[in-house]
Amino acid sequence: RTYVNIFIVFFVSGIWHGANWTFLLW
């Protein structure tokens, strides 16, 4: 669950940075 939570945080961070698949994958 810790690993999943970490991944979710960075997934959200990618979305926050910009509306492009490049940011999401980053």
PDB file of all heavy atoms in Angstrom:
ATOM      1  N   ARG A   1       0.828  -1.195   0.000  1.00  0.00           N
ATOM      2  CA  ARG A   1       0.000   0.000   0.000  1.00  0.00           C
ATOM      3  C   ARG A   1       0.875   1.263   0.000  1.00  0.00           C
ATOM      4  O   ARG A   1       0.536   2.266  -0.644  1.00  0.00           O
ATOM      5  CB  ARG A   1      -0.922  -0.009   1.217  1.00  0.00           C
ATOM      6  CG  ARG A   1      -1.878   1.170   1.282  1.00  0.00           C
ATOM      7  CD  ARG A   1      -2.821   1.223   0.085  1.00  0.00           C
ATOM      8  NE  ARG A   1      -3.702   2.373   0.158  1.00  0.00           N
ATOM      9  CZ  ARG A   1      -4.879   2.358   0.765  1.00  0.00           C
ATOM     10  NH1 ARG A   1      -5.329   1.235   1.342  1.00  0.00           N
ATOM     11  NH2 ARG A   1      -5.630   3.429   0.782  1.00  0.00           N
ATOM     12  N   THR A   2       2.012   1.222   0.681  1.00  0.00           N
ATOM     13  CA  THR A   2       2.943   2.354   0.675  1.00  0.00           C
ATOM     14  C   THR A   2       3.437   2.632  -0.732  1.00  0.00           C
ATOM     15  O   THR A   2       3.461   3.783  -1.184  1.00  0.00           O
ATOM     16  CB  THR A   2       4.139   2.078   1.602  1.00  0.00           C
ATOM     17  OG1 THR A   2       3.674   1.902   2.938  1.00  0.00           O
ATOM     18  CG2 THR A   2       5.137   3.228   1.559  1.00  0.00           C
ATOM     19  N   TYR A   3       3.808   1.564  -1.448  1.00  0.00           N
ATOM     20  CA  TYR A   3       4.310   1.731  -2.812  1.00  0.00           C
ATOM     21  C   TYR A   3       3.220   2.279  -3.731  1.00  0.00           C
ATOM     22  O   TYR A   3       3.484   3.144  -4.588  1.00  0.00           O
ATOM     23  CB  TYR A   3       4.835   0.405  -3.356  1.00  0.00           C
ATOM     24  CG  TYR A   3       5.933  -0.214  -2.526  1.00  0.00           C
ATOM     25  CD1 TYR A   3       6.077  -1.600  -2.433  1.00  0.00           C
ATOM     26  CD2 TYR A   3       6.829   0.578  -1.812  1.00  0.00           C
ATOM     27  CE1 TYR A   3       7.075  -2.176  -1.671  1.00  0.00           C
ATOM     28  CE2 TYR A   3       7.832   0.020  -1.033  1.00  0.00           C
ATOM     29  CZ  TYR A   3       7.952  -1.366  -0.971  1.00  0.00           C
ATOM     30  OH  TYR A   3       8.946  -1.933  -0.200  1.00  0.00           O
ATOM     31  N   VAL A   4       2.003   1.801  -3.548  1.00  0.00           N
ATOM     32  CA  VAL A   4       0.884   2.301  -4.348  1.00  0.00           C
ATOM     33  C   VAL A   4       0.647   3.782  -4.058  1.00  0.00           C
ATOM     34  O   VAL A   4       0.441   4.591  -4.977  1.00  0.00           O
ATOM     35  CB  VAL A   4      -0.400   1.484  -4.071  1.00  0.00           C
ATOM     36  CG1 VAL A   4      -1.610   2.151  -4.734  1.00  0.00           C
ATOM     37  CG2 VAL A   4      -0.248   0.056  -4.569  1.00  0.00           C
ATOM     38  N   ASN A   5       0.708   4.157  -2.793  1.00  0.00           N
ATOM     39  CA  ASN A   5       0.496   5.553  -2.414  1.00  0.00           C
ATOM     40  C   ASN A   5       1.569   6.463  -3.001  1.00  0.00           C
ATOM     41  O   ASN A   5       1.280   7.577  -3.453  1.00  0.00           O
ATOM     42  CB  ASN A   5       0.464   5.692  -0.894  1.00  0.00           C
ATOM     43  CG  ASN A   5      -0.758   5.038  -0.277  1.00  0.00           C
ATOM     44  OD1 ASN A   5      -1.741   4.767  -0.959  1.00  0.00           O
ATOM     45  ND2 ASN A   5      -0.704   4.785   1.023  1.00  0.00           N
ATOM     46  N   ILE A   6       2.813   5.996  -2.975  1.00  0.00           N
ATOM     47  CA  ILE A   6       3.905   6.777  -3.566  1.00  0.00           C
ATOM     48  C   ILE A   6       3.655   6.983  -5.053  1.00  0.00           C
ATOM     49  O   ILE A   6       3.802   8.096  -5.584  1.00  0.00           O
ATOM     50  CB  ILE A   6       5.263   6.070  -3.339  1.00  0.00           C
ATOM     51  CG1 ILE A   6       5.641   6.114  -1.861  1.00  0.00           C
ATOM     52  CG2 ILE A   6       6.362   6.715  -4.179  1.00  0.00           C
ATOM     53  CD1 ILE A   6       6.859   5.273  -1.519  1.00  0.00           C
ATOM     54  N   PHE A   7       3.267   5.908  -5.730  1.00  0.00           N
ATOM     55  CA  PHE A   7       3.023   6.006  -7.171  1.00  0.00           C
ATOM     56  C   PHE A   7       1.870   6.976  -7.461  1.00  0.00           C
ATOM     57  O   PHE A   7       1.946   7.771  -8.395  1.00  0.00           O
ATOM     58  CB  PHE A   7       2.711   4.630  -7.752  1.00  0.00           C
ATOM     59  CG  PHE A   7       2.507   4.650  -9.246  1.00  0.00           C
ATOM     60  CD1 PHE A   7       3.597   4.643 -10.100  1.00  0.00           C
ATOM     61  CD2 PHE A   7       1.232   4.689  -9.787  1.00  0.00           C
ATOM     62  CE1 PHE A   7       3.419   4.683 -11.475  1.00  0.00           C
ATOM     63  CE2 PHE A   7       1.041   4.723 -11.154  1.00  0.00           C
ATOM     64  CZ  PHE A   7       2.144   4.720 -12.005  1.00  0.00           C
ATOM     65  N   ILE A   8       0.818   6.921  -6.657  1.00  0.00           N
ATOM     66  CA  ILE A   8      -0.321   7.820  -6.852  1.00  0.00           C
ATOM     67  C   ILE A   8       0.112   9.278  -6.719  1.00  0.00           C
ATOM     68  O   ILE A   8      -0.305  10.139  -7.505  1.00  0.00           O
ATOM     69  CB  ILE A   8      -1.454   7.494  -5.849  1.00  0.00           C
ATOM     70  CG1 ILE A   8      -2.096   6.151  -6.194  1.00  0.00           C
ATOM     71  CG2 ILE A   8      -2.510   8.600  -5.849  1.00  0.00           C
ATOM     72  CD1 ILE A   8      -3.108   5.679  -5.168  1.00  0.00           C
ATOM     73  N   VAL A   9       0.944   9.560  -5.725  1.00  0.00           N
ATOM     74  CA  VAL A   9       1.425  10.929  -5.515  1.00  0.00           C
ATOM     75  C   VAL A   9       2.138  11.444  -6.757  1.00  0.00           C
ATOM     76  O   VAL A   9       1.898  12.575  -7.211  1.00  0.00           O
ATOM     77  CB  VAL A   9       2.346  10.996  -4.280  1.00  0.00           C
ATOM     78  CG1 VAL A   9       3.144  12.305  -4.277  1.00  0.00           C
ATOM     79  CG2 VAL A   9       1.542  10.884  -3.001  1.00  0.00           C
ATOM     80  N   PHE A  10       3.015  10.633  -7.331  1.00  0.00           N
ATOM     81  CA  PHE A  10       3.759  11.090  -8.505  1.00  0.00           C
ATOM     82  C   PHE A  10       2.891  11.115  -9.757  1.00  0.00           C
ATOM     83  O   PHE A  10       3.120  11.939 -10.658  1.00  0.00           O
ATOM     84  CB  PHE A  10       5.009  10.224  -8.700  1.00  0.00           C
ATOM     85  CG  PHE A  10       6.122  10.619  -7.781  1.00  0.00           C
ATOM     86  CD1 PHE A  10       6.312   9.956  -6.579  1.00  0.00           C
ATOM     87  CD2 PHE A  10       6.955  11.676  -8.088  1.00  0.00           C
ATOM     88  CE1 PHE A  10       7.322  10.336  -5.703  1.00  0.00           C
ATOM     89  CE2 PHE A  10       7.970  12.069  -7.226  1.00  0.00           C
ATOM     90  CZ  PHE A  10       8.148  11.393  -6.033  1.00  0.00           C
ATOM     91  N   PHE A  11       1.909  10.247  -9.806  1.00  0.00           N
ATOM     92  CA  PHE A  11       0.943  10.291 -10.896  1.00  0.00           C
ATOM     93  C   PHE A  11       0.187  11.617 -10.859  1.00  0.00           C
ATOM     94  O   PHE A  11       0.040  12.303 -11.880  1.00  0.00           O
ATOM     95  CB  PHE A  11      -0.026   9.106 -10.777  1.00  0.00           C
ATOM     96  CG  PHE A  11      -1.061   9.043 -11.860  1.00  0.00           C
ATOM     97  CD1 PHE A  11      -0.752   8.490 -13.103  1.00  0.00           C
ATOM     98  CD2 PHE A  11      -2.338   9.532 -11.646  1.00  0.00           C
ATOM     99  CE1 PHE A  11      -1.704   8.434 -14.104  1.00  0.00           C
ATOM    100  CE2 PHE A  11      -3.299   9.477 -12.637  1.00  0.00           C
ATOM    101  CZ  PHE A  11      -2.981   8.927 -13.879  1.00  0.00           C
ATOM    102  N   VAL A  12      -0.272  12.011  -9.676  1.00  0.00           N
ATOM    103  CA  VAL A  12      -0.973  13.289  -9.509  1.00  0.00           C
ATOM    104  C   VAL A  12      -0.030  14.455  -9.794  1.00  0.00           C
ATOM    105  O   VAL A  12      -0.417  15.457 -10.407  1.00  0.00           O
ATOM    106  CB  VAL A  12      -1.572  13.394  -8.091  1.00  0.00           C
ATOM    107  CG1 VAL A  12      -2.185  14.776  -7.856  1.00  0.00           C
ATOM    108  CG2 VAL A  12      -2.621  12.314  -7.870  1.00  0.00           C
ATOM    109  N   SER A  13       1.223  14.324  -9.376  1.00  0.00           N
ATOM    110  CA  SER A  13       2.211  15.373  -9.631  1.00  0.00           C
ATOM    111  C   SER A  13       2.403  15.576 -11.129  1.00  0.00           C
ATOM    112  O   SER A  13       2.517  16.714 -11.601  1.00  0.00           O
ATOM    113  CB  SER A  13       3.548  15.014  -8.977  1.00  0.00           C
ATOM    114  OG  SER A  13       4.542  15.971  -9.291  1.00  0.00           O
ATOM    115  N   GLY A  14       2.437  14.487 -11.881  1.00  0.00           N
ATOM    116  CA  GLY A  14       2.565  14.600 -13.331  1.00  0.00           C
ATOM    117  C   GLY A  14       1.386  15.345 -13.931  1.00  0.00           C
ATOM    118  O   GLY A  14       1.561  16.220 -14.787  1.00  0.00           O
ATOM    119  N   ILE A  15       0.178  15.021 -13.474  1.00  0.00           N
ATOM    120  CA  ILE A  15      -1.022  15.710 -13.958  1.00  0.00           C
ATOM    121  C   ILE A  15      -0.965  17.189 -13.589  1.00  0.00           C
ATOM    122  O   ILE A  15      -1.310  18.062 -14.398  1.00  0.00           O
ATOM    123  CB  ILE A  15      -2.285  15.059 -13.367  1.00  0.00           C
ATOM    124  CG1 ILE A  15      -2.432  13.616 -13.880  1.00  0.00           C
ATOM    125  CG2 ILE A  15      -3.531  15.873 -13.716  1.00  0.00           C
ATOM    126  CD1 ILE A  15      -3.557  12.852 -13.220  1.00  0.00           C
ATOM    127  N   TRP A  16      -0.530  17.498 -12.361  1.00  0.00           N
ATOM    128  CA  TRP A  16      -0.462  18.881 -11.907  1.00  0.00           C
ATOM    129  C   TRP A  16       0.443  19.723 -12.799  1.00  0.00           C
ATOM    130  O   TRP A  16       0.162  20.895 -13.073  1.00  0.00           O
ATOM    131  CB  TRP A  16       0.050  18.932 -10.468  1.00  0.00           C
ATOM    132  CG  TRP A  16       0.187  20.315  -9.914  1.00  0.00           C
ATOM    133  CD1 TRP A  16      -0.783  21.059  -9.299  1.00  0.00           C
ATOM    134  CD2 TRP A  16       1.354  21.136  -9.924  1.00  0.00           C
ATOM    135  NE1 TRP A  16      -0.281  22.286  -8.928  1.00  0.00           N
ATOM    136  CE2 TRP A  16       1.019  22.364  -9.301  1.00  0.00           C
ATOM    137  CE3 TRP A  16       2.655  20.963 -10.404  1.00  0.00           C
ATOM    138  CZ2 TRP A  16       1.945  23.388  -9.148  1.00  0.00           C
ATOM    139  CZ3 TRP A  16       3.575  21.989 -10.254  1.00  0.00           C
ATOM    140  CH2 TRP A  16       3.229  23.189  -9.627  1.00  0.00           C
ATOM    141  N   HIS A  17       1.536  19.134 -13.285  1.00  0.00           N
ATOM    142  CA  HIS A  17       2.512  19.904 -14.045  1.00  0.00           C
ATOM    143  C   HIS A  17       2.014  20.308 -15.425  1.00  0.00           C
ATOM    144  O   HIS A  17       2.503  21.297 -15.987  1.00  0.00           O
ATOM    145  CB  HIS A  17       3.827  19.129 -14.168  1.00  0.00           C
ATOM    146  CG  HIS A  17       4.730  19.283 -12.986  1.00  0.00           C
ATOM    147  ND1 HIS A  17       4.629  18.491 -11.866  1.00  0.00           N
ATOM    148  CD2 HIS A  17       5.730  20.166 -12.728  1.00  0.00           C
ATOM    149  CE1 HIS A  17       5.539  18.861 -10.981  1.00  0.00           C
ATOM    150  NE2 HIS A  17       6.214  19.881 -11.472  1.00  0.00           N
ATOM    151  N   GLY A  18       1.091  19.579 -15.997  1.00  0.00           N
ATOM    152  CA  GLY A  18       0.628  20.004 -17.311  1.00  0.00           C
ATOM    153  C   GLY A  18      -0.345  19.043 -17.954  1.00  0.00           C
ATOM    154  O   GLY A  18      -0.411  17.859 -17.612  1.00  0.00           O
ATOM    155  N   ALA A  19      -1.107  19.571 -18.919  1.00  0.00           N
ATOM    156  CA  ALA A  19      -2.118  18.781 -19.630  1.00  0.00           C
ATOM    157  C   ALA A  19      -1.503  18.197 -20.893  1.00  0.00           C
ATOM    158  O   ALA A  19      -1.741  18.668 -22.010  1.00  0.00           O
ATOM    159  CB  ALA A  19      -3.322  19.658 -19.960  1.00  0.00           C
ATOM    160  N   ASN A  20      -0.694  17.192 -20.713  1.00  0.00           N
ATOM    161  CA  ASN A  20      -0.041  16.523 -21.840  1.00  0.00           C
ATOM    162  C   ASN A  20       0.381  15.136 -21.366  1.00  0.00           C
ATOM    163  O   ASN A  20       0.768  14.955 -20.202  1.00  0.00           O
ATOM    164  CB  ASN A  20       1.179  17.337 -22.305  1.00  0.00           C
ATOM    165  CG  ASN A  20       1.693  16.880 -23.653  1.00  0.00           C
ATOM    166  OD1 ASN A  20       1.799  15.685 -23.929  1.00  0.00           O
ATOM    167  ND2 ASN A  20       2.011  17.838 -24.507  1.00  0.00           N
ATOM    168  N   TRP A  21       0.326  14.171 -22.264  1.00  0.00           N
ATOM    169  CA  TRP A  21       0.732  12.812 -21.892  1.00  0.00           C
ATOM    170  C   TRP A  21       2.194  12.753 -21.480  1.00  0.00           C
ATOM    171  O   TRP A  21       2.599  11.864 -20.732  1.00  0.00           O
ATOM    172  CB  TRP A  21       0.473  11.854 -23.045  1.00  0.00           C
ATOM    173  CG  TRP A  21      -0.976  11.502 -23.192  1.00  0.00           C
ATOM    174  CD1 TRP A  21      -1.858  11.962 -24.114  1.00  0.00           C
ATOM    175  CD2 TRP A  21      -1.718  10.609 -22.347  1.00  0.00           C
ATOM    176  NE1 TRP A  21      -3.104  11.433 -23.906  1.00  0.00           N
ATOM    177  CE2 TRP A  21      -3.047  10.602 -22.836  1.00  0.00           C
ATOM    178  CE3 TRP A  21      -1.396   9.841 -21.235  1.00  0.00           C
ATOM    179  CZ2 TRP A  21      -4.043   9.830 -22.233  1.00  0.00           C
ATOM    180  CZ3 TRP A  21      -2.390   9.078 -20.638  1.00  0.00           C
ATOM    181  CH2 TRP A  21      -3.691   9.073 -21.129  1.00  0.00           C
ATOM    182  N   THR A  22       3.008  13.686 -21.959  1.00  0.00           N
ATOM    183  CA  THR A  22       4.421  13.701 -21.569  1.00  0.00           C
ATOM    184  C   THR A  22       4.564  13.938 -20.065  1.00  0.00           C
ATOM    185  O   THR A  22       5.382  13.299 -19.403  1.00  0.00           O
ATOM    186  CB  THR A  22       5.182  14.792 -22.335  1.00  0.00           C
ATOM    187  OG1 THR A  22       4.528  16.060 -22.144  1.00  0.00           O
ATOM    188  CG2 THR A  22       5.224  14.481 -23.824  1.00  0.00           C
ATOM    189  N   PHE A  23       3.769  14.859 -19.514  1.00  0.00           N
ATOM    190  CA  PHE A  23       3.832  15.128 -18.075  1.00  0.00           C
ATOM    191  C   PHE A  23       3.302  13.934 -17.276  1.00  0.00           C
ATOM    192  O   PHE A  23       3.843  13.602 -16.217  1.00  0.00           O
ATOM    193  CB  PHE A  23       3.021  16.374 -17.735  1.00  0.00           C
ATOM    194  CG  PHE A  23       3.570  17.640 -18.320  1.00  0.00           C
ATOM    195  CD1 PHE A  23       2.854  18.363 -19.260  1.00  0.00           C
ATOM    196  CD2 PHE A  23       4.814  18.125 -17.934  1.00  0.00           C
ATOM    197  CE1 PHE A  23       3.361  19.538 -19.800  1.00  0.00           C
ATOM    198  CE2 PHE A  23       5.330  19.289 -18.467  1.00  0.00           C
ATOM    199  CZ  PHE A  23       4.595  19.991 -19.409  1.00  0.00           C
ATOM    200  N   LEU A  24       2.256  13.331 -17.788  1.00  0.00           N
ATOM    201  CA  LEU A  24       1.680  12.172 -17.107  1.00  0.00           C
ATOM    202  C   LEU A  24       2.692  11.036 -17.027  1.00  0.00           C
ATOM    203  O   LEU A  24       2.913  10.442 -15.960  1.00  0.00           O
ATOM    204  CB  LEU A  24       0.421  11.721 -17.844  1.00  0.00           C
ATOM    205  CG  LEU A  24      -0.444  10.665 -17.161  1.00  0.00           C
ATOM    206  CD1 LEU A  24      -1.015  11.192 -15.859  1.00  0.00           C
ATOM    207  CD2 LEU A  24      -1.568  10.228 -18.088  1.00  0.00           C
ATOM    208  N   LEU A  25       3.337  10.728 -18.140  1.00  0.00           N
ATOM    209  CA  LEU A  25       4.334   9.654 -18.155  1.00  0.00           C
ATOM    210  C   LEU A  25       5.578  10.027 -17.361  1.00  0.00           C
ATOM    211  O   LEU A  25       6.208   9.167 -16.736  1.00  0.00           O
ATOM    212  CB  LEU A  25       4.705   9.303 -19.599  1.00  0.00           C
ATOM    213  CG  LEU A  25       3.581   8.657 -20.426  1.00  0.00           C
ATOM    214  CD1 LEU A  25       4.077   8.339 -21.832  1.00  0.00           C
ATOM    215  CD2 LEU A  25       3.073   7.387 -19.756  1.00  0.00           C
ATOM    216  N   TRP A  26       5.923  11.321 -17.378  1.00  0.00           N
ATOM    217  CA  TRP A  26       7.052  11.780 -16.557  1.00  0.00           C
ATOM    218  C   TRP A  26       6.772  11.538 -15.081  1.00  0.00           C
ATOM    219  O   TRP A  26       7.641  11.067 -14.339  1.00  0.00           O
ATOM    220  CB  TRP A  26       7.290  13.267 -16.828  1.00  0.00           C
ATOM    221  CG  TRP A  26       8.244  13.926 -15.886  1.00  0.00           C
ATOM    222  CD1 TRP A  26       9.603  13.909 -15.940  1.00  0.00           C
ATOM    223  CD2 TRP A  26       7.896  14.701 -14.722  1.00  0.00           C
ATOM    224  NE1 TRP A  26      10.129  14.633 -14.889  1.00  0.00           N
ATOM    225  CE2 TRP A  26       9.107  15.125 -14.133  1.00  0.00           C
ATOM    226  CE3 TRP A  26       6.690  15.076 -14.140  1.00  0.00           C
ATOM    227  CZ2 TRP A  26       9.133  15.907 -12.978  1.00  0.00           C
ATOM    228  CZ3 TRP A  26       6.716  15.851 -12.990  1.00  0.00           C
ATOM    229  CH2 TRP A  26       7.928  16.264 -12.424  1.00  0.00           C
TER     230      TRP A  26
END
